[in-house]
Protein backbone atom coordinates (compact mmCIF):
# COMPACT_ATOMS: atom_id res chain seq x y z
CA MET A 1 -16.29 -6.07 35.60
CA ALA A 2 -15.53 -4.41 39.05
CA LYS A 3 -13.33 -6.37 41.24
CA GLU A 4 -14.27 -4.99 44.56
CA VAL A 5 -15.34 -7.82 46.79
CA ALA A 6 -13.61 -11.32 46.57
CA ILE A 7 -13.95 -14.77 48.07
CA ILE A 8 -10.81 -15.69 49.94
CA GLY A 9 -11.69 -18.84 51.53
CA VAL A 10 -14.18 -21.73 51.12
CA GLY A 11 -14.95 -24.62 53.31
CA GLN A 12 -17.69 -27.41 53.30
CA SER A 13 -18.33 -30.44 55.67
CA SER A 14 -19.27 -33.88 54.01
CA PHE A 15 -22.91 -34.01 53.37
CA VAL A 16 -24.42 -36.82 55.31
CA ARG A 17 -27.88 -38.24 56.17
CA GLY A 18 -27.51 -38.38 59.86
CA TYR A 19 -24.78 -36.30 61.47
CA GLU A 20 -24.14 -37.47 65.00
CA GLY A 21 -22.70 -34.25 66.46
CA SER A 22 -24.11 -30.93 67.27
CA ILE A 23 -24.97 -27.99 64.91
CA ARG A 24 -21.98 -26.25 66.55
CA GLU A 25 -19.75 -29.01 65.53
CA LEU A 26 -21.34 -29.31 62.15
CA ALA A 27 -20.80 -25.56 61.48
CA PHE A 28 -17.17 -25.78 62.76
CA GLU A 29 -16.17 -28.42 60.03
CA ALA A 30 -16.96 -25.86 57.08
CA PHE A 31 -15.59 -22.94 59.21
CA ARG A 32 -12.13 -24.70 59.89
CA GLU A 33 -11.69 -25.45 56.41
CA ALA A 34 -12.41 -22.15 55.09
CA MET A 35 -10.34 -20.22 57.53
CA GLN A 36 -7.54 -22.51 56.78
CA ASP A 37 -8.03 -21.82 52.97
CA ALA A 38 -8.00 -18.17 53.55
CA GLY A 39 -5.17 -18.34 55.88
CA ILE A 40 -6.62 -15.94 58.41
CA ALA A 41 -7.37 -15.93 62.02
CA ASN A 42 -10.42 -15.10 64.05
CA LYS A 43 -9.28 -11.64 64.75
CA ASP A 44 -9.17 -10.92 61.15
CA VAL A 45 -13.11 -11.39 60.86
CA ASP A 46 -15.29 -8.29 61.07
CA ALA A 47 -18.75 -9.83 60.95
CA SER A 48 -20.37 -12.99 60.55
CA ILE A 49 -23.58 -14.06 58.99
CA PHE A 50 -25.25 -17.40 59.73
CA CYS A 51 -27.83 -19.03 57.11
CA SER A 52 -30.53 -21.64 57.75
CA ALA A 53 -34.26 -22.56 57.32
CA PRO A 54 -35.29 -22.11 61.00
CA GLU A 55 -38.21 -24.36 61.16
CA TYR A 56 -35.69 -27.52 60.66
CA ASP A 57 -33.57 -25.97 63.77
CA LYS A 58 -34.17 -27.06 67.25
CA GLN A 59 -32.01 -24.06 68.48
CA ARG A 60 -33.68 -20.92 68.38
CA SER A 61 -31.39 -17.91 66.99
CA PRO A 62 -28.42 -19.97 66.01
CA ALA A 63 -26.60 -17.15 64.73
CA GLY A 64 -25.54 -15.99 68.38
CA VAL A 65 -24.75 -19.69 69.54
CA LEU A 66 -22.51 -20.43 66.59
CA ALA A 67 -20.84 -17.22 66.57
CA GLU A 68 -19.91 -17.69 70.28
CA TYR A 69 -18.46 -21.39 69.73
CA LEU A 70 -16.53 -20.42 66.64
CA GLY A 71 -14.74 -17.51 68.57
CA LEU A 72 -16.65 -14.77 66.51
CA ILE A 73 -17.75 -12.53 69.06
CA PRO A 74 -17.84 -9.74 70.08
CA GLN A 75 -17.95 -8.92 66.46
CA PRO A 76 -21.54 -8.42 65.29
CA THR A 77 -23.51 -11.58 63.55
CA PHE A 78 -26.60 -11.59 61.52
CA TYR A 79 -28.93 -14.44 60.82
CA ILE A 80 -30.23 -14.83 57.18
CA GLU A 81 -33.14 -17.00 55.91
CA THR A 82 -34.55 -17.52 52.37
CA VAL A 83 -35.43 -21.31 52.78
CA CYS A 84 -33.23 -23.12 50.18
CA SER A 85 -31.18 -19.88 48.96
CA SER A 86 -30.31 -18.91 52.42
CA SER A 87 -26.49 -19.02 51.87
CA SER A 88 -26.48 -17.48 48.52
CA SER A 89 -28.74 -14.58 50.27
CA GLY A 90 -26.30 -14.41 53.07
CA VAL A 91 -23.31 -13.84 50.64
CA LYS A 92 -25.38 -10.91 48.77
CA VAL A 93 -25.75 -9.48 52.42
CA GLY A 94 -22.14 -9.82 53.17
CA TYR A 95 -21.23 -8.38 49.73
CA SER A 96 -23.39 -5.33 50.54
CA MET A 97 -21.74 -4.99 53.73
CA ILE A 98 -18.36 -4.68 52.35
CA LYS A 99 -19.28 -2.55 49.40
CA ALA A 100 -21.08 -0.03 52.02
CA GLY A 101 -17.66 -0.11 53.99
CA LEU A 102 -19.06 -1.34 57.00
CA HIS A 103 -16.88 -4.31 57.21
CA ASP A 104 -13.79 -5.49 55.46
CA VAL A 105 -13.99 -9.42 56.08
CA VAL A 106 -17.21 -11.44 56.60
CA VAL A 107 -17.92 -15.09 57.17
CA VAL A 108 -20.97 -16.38 55.67
CA LEU A 109 -21.90 -19.89 57.04
CA GLY A 110 -24.74 -21.94 55.86
CA PHE A 111 -26.03 -24.98 57.88
CA GLN A 112 -28.66 -27.49 58.16
CA LYS A 113 -28.90 -30.57 60.45
CA MET A 114 -32.14 -31.84 58.86
CA SER A 115 -31.98 -35.17 60.72
CA GLU A 116 -32.91 -33.37 63.76
CA ILE A 117 -36.32 -34.07 62.98
CA THR A 118 -38.19 -37.15 61.20
CA SER A 119 -39.02 -37.20 57.46
CA ALA A 120 -42.61 -36.91 58.17
CA GLU A 121 -42.17 -33.62 60.12
CA SER A 122 -39.64 -32.39 57.43
CA GLN A 123 -42.21 -33.02 54.68
CA GLU A 124 -44.90 -31.15 57.02
CA ARG A 125 -42.37 -28.13 57.41
CA MET A 126 -41.70 -28.02 53.47
CA GLY A 127 -45.28 -27.82 52.68
CA ARG A 128 -45.66 -24.93 55.03
CA GLY A 129 -43.14 -23.07 52.72
CA ALA A 130 -46.07 -22.40 50.67
CA ASP A 131 -49.11 -20.33 51.44
CA ILE A 132 -50.60 -21.71 54.90
CA GLN A 133 -53.90 -20.27 54.14
CA TRP A 134 -54.67 -21.29 50.66
CA GLU A 135 -52.25 -24.19 49.73
CA ALA A 136 -50.55 -26.20 52.70
CA PRO A 137 -53.51 -27.16 54.13
CA PHE A 138 -54.62 -29.52 51.11
CA GLY A 139 -51.33 -31.21 51.47
CA THR A 140 -49.19 -30.00 48.69
CA MET A 141 -45.42 -30.59 49.11
CA MET A 142 -42.45 -29.94 47.13
CA PRO A 143 -42.61 -32.76 44.96
CA ALA A 144 -46.02 -32.02 43.88
CA TYR A 145 -45.21 -28.47 43.03
CA TYR A 146 -42.26 -29.50 40.80
CA ALA A 147 -44.52 -32.10 39.23
CA LEU A 148 -46.80 -29.28 38.15
CA TYR A 149 -43.86 -27.74 36.42
CA ALA A 150 -42.85 -31.08 34.87
CA GLN A 151 -46.37 -31.75 33.75
CA ALA A 152 -46.35 -28.28 31.78
CA TYR A 153 -43.26 -28.95 30.25
CA MET A 154 -44.11 -32.18 28.96
CA ALA A 155 -47.26 -30.95 27.35
CA LYS A 156 -45.62 -27.93 25.63
CA ASN A 157 -42.14 -28.91 25.02
CA GLY A 158 -41.85 -32.32 24.47
CA LEU A 159 -40.19 -33.19 27.47
CA THR A 160 -39.83 -36.90 28.34
CA HIS A 161 -39.34 -39.12 31.24
CA ASP A 162 -36.14 -40.13 29.63
CA ASP A 163 -34.60 -36.44 29.48
CA LEU A 164 -35.49 -36.21 33.25
CA MET A 165 -33.78 -39.45 33.80
CA ASN A 166 -30.68 -38.34 32.24
CA VAL A 167 -30.28 -35.29 34.08
CA ARG A 168 -29.99 -37.82 37.15
CA VAL A 169 -27.54 -40.12 34.93
CA LYS A 170 -25.43 -36.94 34.74
CA SER A 171 -25.57 -36.36 38.24
CA GLY A 172 -24.71 -39.71 39.47
CA THR A 173 -21.88 -39.83 36.78
CA TYR A 174 -20.11 -36.77 38.97
CA GLY A 175 -21.34 -37.46 42.25
CA GLN A 176 -18.86 -40.55 42.24
CA THR A 177 -15.92 -38.00 42.12
CA ASN A 178 -17.12 -35.82 44.88
CA ASP A 179 -16.04 -37.03 48.21
CA ARG A 180 -18.47 -34.67 50.22
CA ALA A 181 -21.46 -35.95 48.52
CA VAL A 182 -24.26 -38.21 50.02
CA PHE A 183 -24.78 -40.57 46.85
CA ARG A 184 -21.62 -41.64 45.34
CA LYS A 185 -22.77 -44.34 43.09
CA GLY A 186 -23.47 -44.01 39.56
CA VAL A 187 -26.99 -44.21 37.95
CA LYS A 188 -28.19 -46.36 35.03
CA PRO A 189 -31.42 -46.19 32.94
CA ALA A 190 -32.08 -49.78 34.53
CA ASP A 191 -32.73 -48.04 37.79
CA PHE A 192 -35.62 -46.22 36.43
CA ASP A 193 -37.18 -49.12 34.70
CA PRO A 194 -40.38 -50.10 36.28
CA LYS A 195 -39.93 -53.59 34.81
CA ASN A 196 -36.62 -54.14 36.67
CA PRO A 197 -37.35 -55.42 40.24
CA ASP A 198 -34.07 -53.93 41.37
CA ALA A 199 -34.87 -50.39 39.88
CA ARG A 200 -34.25 -48.16 43.10
CA MET A 201 -35.52 -45.02 41.43
CA ALA A 202 -38.36 -45.94 39.50
CA ALA A 203 -41.28 -45.73 41.92
CA ALA A 204 -43.57 -42.84 41.40
CA VAL A 205 -43.44 -39.82 43.88
CA ALA A 206 -45.71 -37.15 41.96
CA TRP A 207 -46.27 -37.99 38.46
CA PRO A 208 -44.19 -37.43 36.41
CA LEU A 209 -41.39 -37.32 39.12
CA ARG A 210 -40.09 -40.68 40.56
CA VAL A 211 -37.81 -41.17 43.55
CA GLY A 212 -34.67 -40.71 41.16
CA ASP A 213 -35.94 -37.23 39.99
CA ALA A 214 -35.65 -36.05 43.59
CA CYS A 215 -32.78 -34.80 45.93
CA ALA A 216 -32.36 -36.16 49.42
CA ASN A 217 -32.44 -34.37 52.64
CA ALA A 218 -29.10 -34.06 54.20
CA ASP A 219 -27.04 -32.80 57.08
CA GLY A 220 -24.14 -30.13 56.24
CA SER A 221 -22.50 -26.99 56.42
CA SER A 222 -20.67 -24.73 53.86
CA CYS A 223 -18.49 -21.69 54.38
CA ILE A 224 -17.53 -18.59 52.43
CA ILE A 225 -15.25 -15.77 53.47
CA LEU A 226 -15.68 -12.42 51.87
CA ALA A 227 -13.27 -9.70 51.70
CA ASN A 228 -12.70 -6.33 50.22
CA ALA A 229 -10.03 -5.66 47.36
CA GLU A 230 -7.39 -4.50 49.69
CA LYS A 231 -7.71 -7.29 52.40
CA ALA A 232 -8.13 -9.70 49.45
CA LYS A 233 -5.07 -8.95 47.80
CA ALA A 234 -3.19 -9.13 51.11
CA PHE A 235 -4.43 -12.51 52.26
CA SER A 236 -5.23 -14.34 49.31
CA LYS A 237 -2.98 -15.58 46.30
CA LYS A 238 -5.86 -16.69 44.37
CA PRO A 239 -8.99 -14.47 45.09
CA VAL A 240 -12.07 -15.12 43.09
CA TRP A 241 -14.16 -11.89 42.46
CA ILE A 242 -17.77 -11.41 42.52
CA LEU A 243 -18.75 -9.96 39.48
CA GLY A 244 -22.46 -9.96 39.35
CA ILE A 245 -25.22 -10.49 41.62
CA GLY A 246 -28.97 -10.90 40.88
CA ALA A 247 -31.94 -11.80 42.84
CA ALA A 248 -35.75 -11.98 42.44
CA SER A 249 -38.89 -13.33 44.04
CA GLU A 250 -42.17 -14.85 43.00
CA ALA A 251 -45.88 -15.17 44.14
CA VAL A 252 -46.06 -17.81 46.66
CA ASN A 253 -49.46 -19.13 45.43
CA MET A 254 -49.10 -21.40 42.48
CA ALA A 255 -52.34 -20.13 41.13
CA ALA A 256 -50.70 -16.64 40.90
CA ARG A 257 -48.18 -17.89 38.33
CA PRO A 258 -48.96 -17.26 34.69
CA ASP A 259 -47.32 -20.17 32.99
CA PHE A 260 -45.58 -23.08 34.27
CA ALA A 261 -44.21 -24.05 30.97
CA LYS A 262 -41.90 -21.03 31.20
CA GLY A 263 -40.13 -22.31 34.27
CA LEU A 264 -39.23 -20.35 37.44
CA SER A 265 -39.38 -16.64 37.03
CA VAL A 266 -36.93 -15.90 39.41
CA GLY A 267 -34.27 -17.63 37.37
CA TYR A 268 -34.70 -15.24 34.39
CA GLY A 269 -35.04 -12.15 36.49
CA ALA A 270 -32.06 -12.89 38.70
CA ALA A 271 -29.93 -13.90 35.73
CA LYS A 272 -30.60 -10.81 33.90
CA GLN A 273 -29.35 -8.62 36.69
CA ALA A 274 -26.32 -10.55 37.47
CA TYR A 275 -25.18 -10.37 33.81
CA ASN A 276 -25.96 -6.88 33.39
CA MET A 277 -23.86 -6.20 36.67
CA ALA A 278 -21.08 -8.41 35.41
CA GLY A 279 -21.07 -6.98 31.78
CA ILE A 280 -21.30 -10.51 30.30
CA THR A 281 -23.77 -12.93 28.72
CA ALA A 282 -24.61 -16.66 29.11
CA LYS A 283 -22.02 -17.28 26.44
CA ASP A 284 -19.20 -16.11 28.55
CA VAL A 285 -19.82 -18.41 31.37
CA LYS A 286 -17.37 -21.56 31.48
CA VAL A 287 -18.91 -23.43 34.47
CA ALA A 288 -22.14 -23.38 36.28
CA GLU A 289 -23.75 -24.71 39.50
CA VAL A 290 -27.56 -24.78 39.08
CA HIS A 291 -30.38 -25.59 41.75
CA ASP A 292 -31.32 -29.31 40.74
CA CYS A 293 -33.74 -30.13 43.87
CA PHE A 294 -35.41 -32.15 41.05
CA THR A 295 -34.60 -33.22 37.59
CA ILE A 296 -36.95 -30.70 35.92
CA ALA A 297 -35.47 -28.00 38.06
CA GLU A 298 -32.18 -28.33 36.29
CA ILE A 299 -33.74 -28.52 32.83
CA MET A 300 -35.55 -25.35 33.76
CA ALA A 301 -32.45 -23.32 35.07
CA TYR A 302 -30.87 -24.01 31.62
CA GLU A 303 -33.43 -21.74 30.14
CA GLY A 304 -33.59 -19.32 32.78
CA LEU A 305 -29.78 -18.65 32.60
CA GLY A 306 -29.87 -18.41 28.84
CA PHE A 307 -27.92 -21.45 28.39
CA ALA A 308 -30.88 -22.64 25.91
CA PRO A 309 -33.84 -21.07 24.59
CA MET A 310 -37.24 -21.24 26.18
CA GLY A 311 -38.61 -24.81 25.57
CA ASP A 312 -35.07 -26.41 24.47
CA GLY A 313 -33.54 -26.96 27.65
CA LYS A 314 -34.03 -30.54 26.94
CA GLN A 315 -31.64 -30.59 24.09
CA LEU A 316 -28.77 -29.69 26.39
CA ILE A 317 -29.15 -32.98 28.36
CA ARG A 318 -30.05 -34.98 25.16
CA GLU A 319 -26.57 -33.89 23.46
CA LYS A 320 -24.75 -33.93 26.64
CA THR A 321 -23.91 -30.05 26.20
CA THR A 322 -23.88 -29.63 30.13
CA TYR A 323 -21.20 -32.76 30.65
CA LYS A 324 -17.91 -31.76 31.81
CA GLU A 325 -16.45 -31.85 28.19
CA GLY A 326 -19.55 -30.02 26.81
CA ARG A 327 -20.21 -26.39 25.77
CA ILE A 328 -21.45 -25.51 29.22
CA PRO A 329 -20.58 -27.88 32.27
CA VAL A 330 -23.29 -27.79 34.91
CA ASN A 331 -23.30 -29.44 38.30
CA VAL A 332 -20.22 -31.48 37.63
CA ASP A 333 -19.95 -32.05 41.43
CA GLY A 334 -23.04 -34.25 41.28
CA GLY A 335 -25.51 -31.15 42.24
CA LEU A 336 -28.06 -31.46 44.73
CA LEU A 337 -29.33 -34.74 43.25
CA SER A 338 -26.19 -36.42 44.45
CA LYS A 339 -24.73 -34.28 47.05
CA GLY A 340 -27.87 -33.98 48.90
CA HIS A 341 -29.68 -31.00 50.09
CA PRO A 342 -28.93 -29.41 53.62
CA ILE A 343 -31.18 -26.46 52.90
CA GLY A 344 -29.02 -23.55 54.53
CA ALA A 345 -25.66 -25.04 53.29
CA THR A 346 -26.54 -25.57 49.79
CA GLY A 347 -25.83 -22.11 48.04
CA GLY A 348 -22.49 -22.10 50.02
CA SER A 349 -21.51 -25.51 48.82
CA GLN A 350 -22.46 -24.62 45.17
CA MET A 351 -20.17 -21.46 45.44
CA ARG A 352 -17.32 -23.54 46.90
CA THR A 353 -17.38 -25.73 43.88
CA ILE A 354 -17.23 -22.80 41.55
CA VAL A 355 -14.29 -21.08 43.43
CA LEU A 356 -12.26 -24.32 43.33
CA GLN A 357 -13.26 -24.85 39.59
CA LEU A 358 -11.90 -21.17 38.89
CA ARG A 359 -8.87 -21.77 41.08
CA GLY A 360 -8.20 -25.02 39.24
CA GLU A 361 -8.42 -27.03 42.47
CA ALA A 362 -11.24 -28.97 41.80
CA GLY A 363 -9.46 -32.16 41.62
CA PRO A 364 -11.28 -35.04 39.68
CA MET A 365 -14.49 -32.58 39.29
CA GLN A 366 -12.25 -29.98 37.49
CA VAL A 367 -13.42 -28.68 34.11
CA PRO A 368 -10.97 -28.79 31.34
CA GLY A 369 -9.95 -25.48 29.67
CA ASP A 370 -8.81 -23.28 32.55
CA PRO A 371 -12.31 -21.78 33.21
CA ASP A 372 -12.40 -18.03 34.09
CA ILE A 373 -16.04 -17.25 34.82
CA GLY A 374 -18.42 -19.41 36.70
CA LEU A 375 -22.11 -19.23 37.78
CA VAL A 376 -24.17 -20.11 40.77
CA HIS A 377 -27.85 -20.40 40.44
CA ASN A 378 -29.78 -21.11 43.94
CA VAL A 379 -33.59 -21.08 44.50
CA GLY A 380 -35.62 -21.01 47.59
CA GLY A 381 -38.83 -22.73 47.72
CA VAL A 382 -40.58 -23.71 44.43
CA GLY A 383 -39.09 -20.27 42.98
CA LEU A 384 -40.28 -18.18 45.73
CA TYR A 385 -36.74 -16.87 45.85
CA GLY A 386 -33.88 -16.91 43.36
CA ASN A 387 -30.20 -15.97 43.26
CA VAL A 388 -27.79 -15.81 40.47
CA THR A 389 -24.17 -15.03 41.51
CA ILE A 390 -21.22 -14.57 38.91
CA PHE A 391 -17.60 -15.21 39.64
CA GLY A 392 -14.29 -14.51 37.85
CA ARG A 393 -10.74 -14.63 38.58
């Protein structure tokens, strides 16, 4: 396990449904916390990378605007977009820059102010994440795409509505302890009961997915500060090292995908690369953050990452294996289902959680047993892009 690039600072704004300030102010919240965490000044930063999904931004070319506002000019700045996995892609680019010897310290800042457009506009833009010639014109949207995977899993692998519900119950359990999350209320089976007039999560969205099976849009920012080994040791008392990085992509057209019951291929591909680079297996991971934009996505991630054999992901949630006290704790910060999903900021938020876990600084979210290896699984679109990053103390 080579220790050549480390995370020396992490930051995150609160994720909220309607941020009242500008994207400049939103970005500053995560940036300030990360810089204070790293104990460095602007002059110590060699380059910056900003990450978002531009179709939600009113500001064109936001990287230059934000770099100026944060005092990161005249150092070079870059803009990265792979929709929901943008900030984990940004970390891969920053890692590569440092490994290439171009820069010593790189700031990677993900942000999204989803509330700048209406919900209807947001759904239309999400639909255009699919092929605009052959799929998007027919009204397909994110819930429908993930519902296709859920249907296939139910038909082939015995997945039930209760399995999906229990993913959300776990999310709600831990969302209550995350002071940066949008939803900080517990979730009970009664919330999914269609016979219960007060069931807020039971309404159908796209069969078999219900309101409670989907994460919510949010406004938020996250910031990760990367450094080479020399700078990391000089600046940080608790550097967290990047041990492995994997990335993959998939056909945008759903009709070109061979078997929905096998889950998202990018999870398998990116995980294999990351494990090989880190020199570990799934059994070595002590805590993980996975991309749970829908409850079915978390089940698929279990299998793609090797935490369970193909078709057996449901057993992990049934047996509470992915709870904090289980064999492989997953999304103990509430995941996207509780935190919300500010697209460009999501991957960085996942990484912040894992860094805090490995430093023993996660507070009420802390996993017992002094975890030393953590993993982040971040997906863009309906498995169009996939990044898996492995971290170690």
